Amino acid sequence: MFTKTITVQNAVGLRARPATFFIQKANTFRSSIWIENNDRRANAKSLLGVLSLGIKKGDTVTIIAEGEDEEETVEGLIDLILSIE
């Protein structure tokens, strides 16, 4: 299992379009992936799950992956979150 925590900096957080980009990227990996916000956890490959967390600017989120490409998965998703404007 590989885990990393970051603070979301983009203006809209992970809602609507950014969440869609996040889900699309998550689904390219083989690992099982979860995202946590405020002690709530969701499947990072599920649009409804990610949207249900209500992630907004300034929230601290944790990405957790377990599987053969877990480190690449977490790093790739964090890079994506940080690149969304």
Protein backbone atom coordinates (compact mmCIF):
# COMPACT_ATOMS: atom_id res chain seq x y z
CA MET A 1 0.00 0.00 0.00
CA PHE A 2 1.26 3.49 -0.93
CA THR A 3 -0.25 6.68 0.49
CA LYS A 4 0.33 10.40 0.03
CA THR A 5 -1.48 13.49 1.31
CA ILE A 6 -1.77 16.90 -0.42
CA THR A 7 -3.76 20.11 -0.19
CA VAL A 8 -6.00 20.89 -3.17
CA GLN A 9 -5.07 24.29 -4.63
CA ASN A 10 -7.26 24.73 -7.71
CA ALA A 11 -10.26 27.06 -7.51
CA VAL A 12 -13.03 24.45 -7.86
CA GLY A 13 -11.46 21.50 -6.09
CA LEU A 14 -12.43 18.07 -7.45
CA ARG A 15 -15.89 18.85 -8.74
CA ALA A 16 -17.42 18.50 -12.20
CA ARG A 17 -14.72 18.64 -14.89
CA PRO A 18 -11.66 18.20 -12.62
CA ALA A 19 -13.32 15.16 -11.03
CA THR A 20 -13.93 13.69 -14.48
CA PHE A 21 -10.25 14.12 -15.39
CA PHE A 22 -9.28 12.53 -12.07
CA ILE A 23 -11.55 9.51 -12.64
CA GLN A 24 -10.31 9.02 -16.19
CA LYS A 25 -6.70 9.05 -14.99
CA ALA A 26 -7.48 6.73 -12.04
CA ASN A 27 -9.03 4.19 -14.39
CA THR A 28 -5.78 3.91 -16.37
CA PHE A 29 -4.09 2.23 -13.39
CA ARG A 30 -4.41 -1.39 -12.26
CA SER A 31 -4.18 -0.70 -8.51
CA SER A 32 -7.18 -0.32 -6.23
CA ILE A 33 -7.38 3.38 -5.39
CA TRP A 34 -9.15 5.33 -2.66
CA ILE A 35 -9.34 9.03 -1.93
CA GLU A 36 -9.99 10.38 1.57
CA ASN A 37 -11.26 13.79 2.67
CA ASN A 38 -12.35 14.69 6.21
CA ASP A 39 -12.33 11.07 7.44
CA ARG A 40 -14.51 9.96 4.51
CA ARG A 41 -13.21 7.53 1.91
CA ALA A 42 -14.36 6.85 -1.65
CA ASN A 43 -13.31 4.67 -4.54
CA ALA A 44 -11.14 6.95 -6.69
CA LYS A 45 -12.37 5.21 -9.84
CA SER A 46 -15.99 6.18 -9.12
CA LEU A 47 -17.24 9.59 -10.24
CA LEU A 48 -20.12 9.54 -7.77
CA GLY A 49 -17.76 8.47 -5.00
CA VAL A 50 -15.30 11.29 -5.65
CA LEU A 51 -18.06 13.88 -6.05
CA SER A 52 -19.70 12.72 -2.81
CA LEU A 53 -16.59 13.83 -0.89
CA GLY A 54 -17.21 17.48 -1.86
CA ILE A 55 -13.51 18.25 -2.23
CA LYS A 56 -12.91 21.99 -2.50
CA LYS A 57 -9.95 24.37 -2.57
CA GLY A 58 -7.89 24.13 0.60
CA ASP A 59 -9.05 20.61 1.52
CA THR A 60 -6.40 18.07 2.44
CA VAL A 61 -6.88 14.78 0.63
CA THR A 62 -5.11 11.45 0.89
CA ILE A 63 -4.65 9.18 -2.10
CA ILE A 64 -4.23 5.49 -1.25
CA ALA A 65 -3.34 2.79 -3.76
CA GLU A 66 -2.76 -0.90 -3.40
CA GLY A 67 -1.50 -3.09 -6.22
CA GLU A 68 1.33 -3.67 -8.63
CA ASP A 69 1.56 -0.04 -9.79
CA GLU A 70 0.60 1.64 -6.50
CA GLU A 71 3.44 4.18 -6.28
CA GLU A 72 3.05 5.22 -9.93
CA THR A 73 -0.71 5.49 -9.34
CA VAL A 74 -0.49 7.82 -6.35
CA GLU A 75 2.21 10.01 -7.91
CA GLY A 76 0.29 10.25 -11.20
CA LEU A 77 -2.96 11.28 -9.51
CA ILE A 78 -1.23 13.82 -7.30
CA ASP A 79 0.52 15.32 -10.32
CA LEU A 80 -2.88 15.59 -12.02
CA ILE A 81 -4.51 17.31 -9.03
CA LEU A 82 -1.64 19.80 -8.78
CA SER A 83 -1.81 20.57 -12.51
CA ILE A 84 -5.54 21.39 -12.58
CA GLU A 85 -6.15 25.12 -12.60
